[in-house]
Structures are given as structure tokens and as C-alpha cells.
Amino acid sequence: MTTRDDVGGEIKSRPRKNEDTEMDITPMIDMTFLLLAFFIMCSKMDPTVAVELPGAFYGDAVSEKDSVVLVVAGGASKDDYTIFRGRSDDDPIRETEPLAQEEAVANYVQQQLSARPDVQTIVIKAEGKVKTSAVEIVKRGAVQAELAEGRRLYIAVEEKQ
């Protein structure tokens, strides 16, 4: 850029400044973390939202012979499973639809509890590779039985090696 010097009437050229093209973003990062900390500290969790979590009883032993037992075994693929009535694998539930499986489980639990009214627990045993959705189907079926009300339901995971 050039300017006119009033004293001598000459045109002088000014040296150009090299502009710094890099921007220091450290203060912006500091502000981001300060705002994040502020919002975390000032926010409140809603304690009224109910989340249904399965209860866990550490160290509680449950006798299988004094319980209604259902076994969920894994199949050939990760989505396959078979539900067995009782502790052995000689009485499978043949239904393939989840609602029909629930109904078959409810009928089995009802029949077992009416035959043995002193039984107070229902145990669902599942292999480690069985998906949670399969165990949930069995659980929903077990609690649908009329006589299951007031009885304890235990879900056990057994990993086969």
C-alpha cells in the first residue's frame, strides 16, 4: 500500500504485515469443557421415571428339585433357541411363535404349580449364548400362569464349556 508524504510529496510504500493464518483454539476448548461441566452439574435426573431391572440376590441358593424349572438352550445359530420343560432335554416346547411359546410356558408352569402347591420358586436356566429376548419370552410366559402370582422367579445363566 502506498501513501503520500505531506512533507516531501513522495510516495512511500508501507511494509505489509504477514497475517497469522493459524487460530489458537485452546480457549474455545476450555470454554467447551467449562460449559459441559456446568450443564452436568446443574442438570437434574428425573427420579420419577421407573426402570424395571431384574433383581439380583447374591449368594441365594435355590433348590431345583423344589422349583418349577425351565431351560432355554441355544441352537445352531445365535437366534435359535429351544425351551425345555423341566431339567432334562426330553420335553421341548415345539411352538415357534413367541406368543405361542409364552402360552405353552404358562400352561406348563400352571400345571406344575397345581400339582405341587408347596413349590414357591420358578427357575429359568439359560445357556450363555442365548439372547435375552428368548429368556424374556420364557419369563413373560411364567408370570402369566395364575398360580405363579406371589412366587419368586429366578433367572440363572449357565455357561456350557
C-alpha atoms as a PDB file:
ATOM      1  CA  MET A   1       0.000   0.000   0.000  1.00  0.00           C
ATOM      2  CA  THR A   2       1.358   3.410  -0.785  1.00  0.00           C
ATOM      3  CA  THR A   3       0.762   6.783   0.847  1.00  0.00           C
ATOM      4  CA  ARG A   4       1.699  10.355   0.036  1.00  0.00           C
ATOM      5  CA  ASP A   5       4.100  12.079   2.391  1.00  0.00           C
ATOM      6  CA  ASP A   6       2.905  15.610   3.031  1.00  0.00           C
ATOM      7  CA  VAL A   7       6.369  16.975   3.711  1.00  0.00           C
ATOM      8  CA  GLY A   8       8.265  15.895   0.639  1.00  0.00           C
ATOM      9  CA  GLY A   9       5.494  14.919  -1.670  1.00  0.00           C
ATOM     10  CA  GLU A  10       6.952  11.470  -2.266  1.00  0.00           C
ATOM     11  CA  ILE A  11       5.064   8.244  -2.286  1.00  0.00           C
ATOM     12  CA  LYS A  12       6.322   5.732   0.249  1.00  0.00           C
ATOM     13  CA  SER A  13       5.429   2.121   0.355  1.00  0.00           C
ATOM     14  CA  ARG A  14       4.471   0.578   3.693  1.00  0.00           C
ATOM     15  CA  PRO A  15       5.708  -2.870   4.534  1.00  0.00           C
ATOM     16  CA  ARG A  16       2.897  -5.432   4.560  1.00  0.00           C
ATOM     17  CA  LYS A  17       2.356  -7.430   7.684  1.00  0.00           C
ATOM     18  CA  ASN A  18       2.107 -11.185   7.301  1.00  0.00           C
ATOM     19  CA  GLU A  19      -1.192 -12.220   8.743  1.00  0.00           C
ATOM     20  CA  ASP A  20      -1.139 -15.141  11.083  1.00  0.00           C
ATOM     21  CA  THR A  21      -3.431 -17.714   9.426  1.00  0.00           C
ATOM     22  CA  GLU A  22      -3.482 -20.178  12.346  1.00  0.00           C
ATOM     23  CA  MET A  23      -6.008 -19.700  15.068  1.00  0.00           C
ATOM     24  CA  ASP A  24      -5.388 -20.762  18.661  1.00  0.00           C
ATOM     25  CA  ILE A  25      -8.417 -22.875  19.646  1.00  0.00           C
ATOM     26  CA  THR A  26      -7.271 -23.644  23.188  1.00  0.00           C
ATOM     27  CA  PRO A  27      -9.595 -21.029  24.777  1.00  0.00           C
ATOM     28  CA  MET A  28     -12.522 -22.384  22.775  1.00  0.00           C
ATOM     29  CA  ILE A  29     -11.813 -25.933  24.012  1.00  0.00           C
ATOM     30  CA  ASP A  30     -11.537 -24.628  27.572  1.00  0.00           C
ATOM     31  CA  MET A  31     -14.906 -22.893  27.257  1.00  0.00           C
ATOM     32  CA  THR A  32     -16.494 -26.049  25.821  1.00  0.00           C
ATOM     33  CA  PHE A  33     -15.365 -28.140  28.769  1.00  0.00           C
ATOM     34  CA  LEU A  34     -16.419 -25.462  31.251  1.00  0.00           C
ATOM     35  CA  LEU A  35     -19.899 -25.344  29.708  1.00  0.00           C
ATOM     36  CA  LEU A  36     -20.097 -29.130  29.690  1.00  0.00           C
ATOM     37  CA  ALA A  37     -19.140 -29.284  33.372  1.00  0.00           C
ATOM     38  CA  PHE A  38     -21.662 -26.532  34.156  1.00  0.00           C
ATOM     39  CA  PHE A  39     -24.559 -28.336  32.453  1.00  0.00           C
ATOM     40  CA  ILE A  40     -23.677 -31.661  34.038  1.00  0.00           C
ATOM     41  CA  MET A  41     -23.547 -30.119  37.499  1.00  0.00           C
ATOM     42  CA  CYS A  42     -26.759 -28.116  37.056  1.00  0.00           C
ATOM     43  CA  SER A  43     -28.911 -30.778  35.416  1.00  0.00           C
ATOM     44  CA  LYS A  44     -31.207 -32.948  37.483  1.00  0.00           C
ATOM     45  CA  MET A  45     -32.066 -36.559  36.752  1.00  0.00           C
ATOM     46  CA  ASP A  46     -35.759 -37.375  36.758  1.00  0.00           C
ATOM     47  CA  PRO A  47     -36.191 -39.822  39.652  1.00  0.00           C
ATOM     48  CA  THR A  48     -39.833 -40.473  38.787  1.00  0.00           C
ATOM     49  CA  VAL A  49     -39.006 -42.494  35.671  1.00  0.00           C
ATOM     50  CA  ALA A  50     -39.387 -46.155  36.587  1.00  0.00           C
ATOM     51  CA  VAL A  51     -36.932 -48.595  35.073  1.00  0.00           C
ATOM     52  CA  GLU A  52     -37.682 -52.269  35.528  1.00  0.00           C
ATOM     53  CA  LEU A  53     -34.467 -54.060  36.329  1.00  0.00           C
ATOM     54  CA  PRO A  54     -34.258 -57.723  37.293  1.00  0.00           C
ATOM     55  CA  GLY A  55     -33.489 -58.243  40.943  1.00  0.00           C
ATOM     56  CA  ALA A  56     -30.270 -59.993  41.879  1.00  0.00           C
ATOM     57  CA  PHE A  57     -29.743 -61.910  45.083  1.00  0.00           C
ATOM     58  CA  TYR A  58     -26.075 -62.565  45.654  1.00  0.00           C
ATOM     59  CA  GLY A  59     -25.441 -65.890  47.310  1.00  0.00           C
ATOM     60  CA  ASP A  60     -29.035 -67.117  47.398  1.00  0.00           C
ATOM     61  CA  ALA A  61     -29.151 -70.832  46.734  1.00  0.00           C
ATOM     62  CA  VAL A  62     -32.264 -72.186  45.070  1.00  0.00           C
ATOM     63  CA  SER A  63     -33.028 -75.872  45.080  1.00  0.00           C
ATOM     64  CA  GLU A  64     -34.018 -77.083  41.623  1.00  0.00           C
ATOM     65  CA  LYS A  65     -35.931 -80.080  42.944  1.00  0.00           C
ATOM     66  CA  ASP A  66     -38.196 -77.753  44.945  1.00  0.00           C
ATOM     67  CA  SER A  67     -38.805 -75.442  41.961  1.00  0.00           C
ATOM     68  CA  VAL A  68     -40.525 -75.355  38.620  1.00  0.00           C
ATOM     69  CA  VAL A  69     -37.618 -75.403  36.167  1.00  0.00           C
ATOM     70  CA  LEU A  70     -37.493 -74.226  32.557  1.00  0.00           C
ATOM     71  CA  VAL A  71     -34.333 -74.495  30.460  1.00  0.00           C
ATOM     72  CA  VAL A  72     -33.506 -72.310  27.450  1.00  0.00           C
ATOM     73  CA  ALA A  73     -30.809 -73.898  25.295  1.00  0.00           C
ATOM     74  CA  GLY A  74     -29.045 -72.283  22.366  1.00  0.00           C
ATOM     75  CA  GLY A  75     -29.380 -73.602  18.849  1.00  0.00           C
ATOM     76  CA  ALA A  76     -27.181 -73.779  15.773  1.00  0.00           C
ATOM     77  CA  SER A  77     -27.265 -70.033  15.100  1.00  0.00           C
ATOM     78  CA  LYS A  78     -27.257 -67.147  17.546  1.00  0.00           C
ATOM     79  CA  ASP A  79     -31.006 -66.543  17.037  1.00  0.00           C
ATOM     80  CA  ASP A  80     -32.045 -70.181  17.538  1.00  0.00           C
ATOM     81  CA  TYR A  81     -33.105 -71.474  20.926  1.00  0.00           C
ATOM     82  CA  THR A  82     -35.160 -74.278  22.392  1.00  0.00           C
ATOM     83  CA  ILE A  83     -37.260 -74.133  25.548  1.00  0.00           C
ATOM     84  CA  PHE A  84     -37.415 -77.325  27.605  1.00  0.00           C
ATOM     85  CA  ARG A  85     -39.963 -78.173  30.279  1.00  0.00           C
ATOM     86  CA  GLY A  86     -38.157 -79.377  33.368  1.00  0.00           C
ATOM     87  CA  ARG A  87     -34.467 -80.037  33.919  1.00  0.00           C
ATOM     88  CA  SER A  88     -33.970 -82.532  31.109  1.00  0.00           C
ATOM     89  CA  ASP A  89     -33.921 -82.028  27.358  1.00  0.00           C
ATOM     90  CA  ASP A  90     -36.547 -84.648  26.556  1.00  0.00           C
ATOM     91  CA  ASP A  91     -39.629 -82.371  26.698  1.00  0.00           C
ATOM     92  CA  PRO A  92     -39.137 -79.368  24.367  1.00  0.00           C
ATOM     93  CA  ILE A  93     -41.735 -76.741  23.569  1.00  0.00           C
ATOM     94  CA  ARG A  94     -42.350 -77.138  19.842  1.00  0.00           C
ATOM     95  CA  GLU A  95     -44.070 -73.800  19.153  1.00  0.00           C
ATOM     96  CA  THR A  96     -42.031 -71.314  17.128  1.00  0.00           C
ATOM     97  CA  GLU A  97     -44.058 -68.127  17.568  1.00  0.00           C
ATOM     98  CA  PRO A  98     -43.205 -66.106  20.717  1.00  0.00           C
ATOM     99  CA  LEU A  99     -46.847 -65.749  21.836  1.00  0.00           C
ATOM    100  CA  ALA A 100     -47.442 -69.476  21.438  1.00  0.00           C
ATOM    101  CA  GLN A 101     -44.237 -70.159  23.379  1.00  0.00           C
ATOM    102  CA  GLU A 102     -45.398 -67.856  26.176  1.00  0.00           C
ATOM    103  CA  GLU A 103     -48.722 -69.661  26.328  1.00  0.00           C
ATOM    104  CA  ALA A 104     -47.030 -73.095  26.406  1.00  0.00           C
ATOM    105  CA  VAL A 105     -44.727 -71.948  29.230  1.00  0.00           C
ATOM    106  CA  ALA A 106     -47.707 -70.534  31.159  1.00  0.00           C
ATOM    107  CA  ASN A 107     -49.608 -73.818  30.775  1.00  0.00           C
ATOM    108  CA  TYR A 108     -46.592 -75.839  31.966  1.00  0.00           C
ATOM    109  CA  VAL A 109     -45.999 -73.598  34.995  1.00  0.00           C
ATOM    110  CA  GLN A 110     -49.719 -73.665  35.871  1.00  0.00           C
ATOM    111  CA  GLN A 111     -49.809 -77.476  35.605  1.00  0.00           C
ATOM    112  CA  GLN A 112     -46.661 -77.864  37.745  1.00  0.00           C
ATOM    113  CA  LEU A 113     -47.816 -75.441  40.425  1.00  0.00           C
ATOM    114  CA  SER A 114     -51.269 -77.031  40.662  1.00  0.00           C
ATOM    115  CA  ALA A 115     -49.667 -80.492  41.020  1.00  0.00           C
ATOM    116  CA  ARG A 116     -47.152 -79.230  43.622  1.00  0.00           C
ATOM    117  CA  PRO A 117     -48.709 -76.315  45.564  1.00  0.00           C
ATOM    118  CA  ASP A 118     -45.825 -76.221  48.072  1.00  0.00           C
ATOM    119  CA  VAL A 119     -43.383 -75.040  45.380  1.00  0.00           C
ATOM    120  CA  GLN A 120     -42.526 -71.359  45.898  1.00  0.00           C
ATOM    121  CA  THR A 121     -39.927 -70.723  43.176  1.00  0.00           C
ATOM    122  CA  ILE A 122     -39.700 -70.790  39.397  1.00  0.00           C
ATOM    123  CA  VAL A 123     -36.212 -71.114  37.902  1.00  0.00           C
ATOM    124  CA  ILE A 124     -35.305 -70.250  34.322  1.00  0.00           C
ATOM    125  CA  LYS A 125     -31.923 -71.631  33.312  1.00  0.00           C
ATOM    126  CA  ALA A 126     -30.335 -70.332  30.117  1.00  0.00           C
ATOM    127  CA  GLU A 127     -27.086 -71.048  28.323  1.00  0.00           C
ATOM    128  CA  GLY A 128     -24.662 -68.153  27.968  1.00  0.00           C
ATOM    129  CA  LYS A 129     -25.155 -67.849  24.207  1.00  0.00           C
ATOM    130  CA  VAL A 130     -28.962 -67.473  24.428  1.00  0.00           C
ATOM    131  CA  LYS A 131     -30.255 -63.985  23.640  1.00  0.00           C
ATOM    132  CA  THR A 132     -32.036 -62.022  26.337  1.00  0.00           C
ATOM    133  CA  SER A 133     -35.188 -61.850  24.212  1.00  0.00           C
ATOM    134  CA  ALA A 134     -35.607 -65.639  24.464  1.00  0.00           C
ATOM    135  CA  VAL A 135     -35.290 -65.512  28.252  1.00  0.00           C
ATOM    136  CA  GLU A 136     -37.796 -62.652  28.324  1.00  0.00           C
ATOM    137  CA  ILE A 137     -40.325 -64.766  26.384  1.00  0.00           C
ATOM    138  CA  VAL A 138     -39.995 -67.546  28.966  1.00  0.00           C
ATOM    139  CA  LYS A 139     -40.234 -65.058  31.839  1.00  0.00           C
ATOM    140  CA  ARG A 140     -43.409 -63.464  30.446  1.00  0.00           C
ATOM    141  CA  GLY A 141     -44.928 -66.904  29.969  1.00  0.00           C
ATOM    142  CA  ALA A 142     -44.036 -67.986  33.504  1.00  0.00           C
ATOM    143  CA  VAL A 143     -45.644 -64.966  35.149  1.00  0.00           C
ATOM    144  CA  GLN A 144     -48.820 -65.379  33.056  1.00  0.00           C
ATOM    145  CA  ALA A 145     -49.715 -68.527  34.984  1.00  0.00           C
ATOM    146  CA  GLU A 146     -52.393 -67.743  37.549  1.00  0.00           C
ATOM    147  CA  LEU A 147     -50.711 -69.742  40.297  1.00  0.00           C
ATOM    148  CA  ALA A 148     -47.350 -68.014  39.699  1.00  0.00           C
ATOM    149  CA  GLU A 149     -48.521 -64.888  41.483  1.00  0.00           C
ATOM    150  CA  GLY A 150     -46.730 -64.461  44.787  1.00  0.00           C
ATOM    151  CA  ARG A 151     -43.991 -66.926  43.875  1.00  0.00           C
ATOM    152  CA  ARG A 152     -40.351 -65.992  43.287  1.00  0.00           C
ATOM    153  CA  LEU A 153     -38.870 -66.100  39.809  1.00  0.00           C
ATOM    154  CA  TYR A 154     -35.137 -66.687  39.413  1.00  0.00           C
ATOM    155  CA  ILE A 155     -33.227 -66.384  36.177  1.00  0.00           C
ATOM    156  CA  ALA A 156     -29.980 -68.332  36.090  1.00  0.00           C
ATOM    157  CA  VAL A 157     -27.368 -68.286  33.337  1.00  0.00           C
ATOM    158  CA  GLU A 158     -25.391 -71.400  32.834  1.00  0.00           C
ATOM    159  CA  GLU A 159     -22.399 -71.221  30.506  1.00  0.00           C
ATOM    160  CA  LYS A 160     -21.514 -74.520  28.874  1.00  0.00           C
ATOM    161  CA  GLN A 161     -17.837 -75.086  28.183  1.00  0.00           C
END
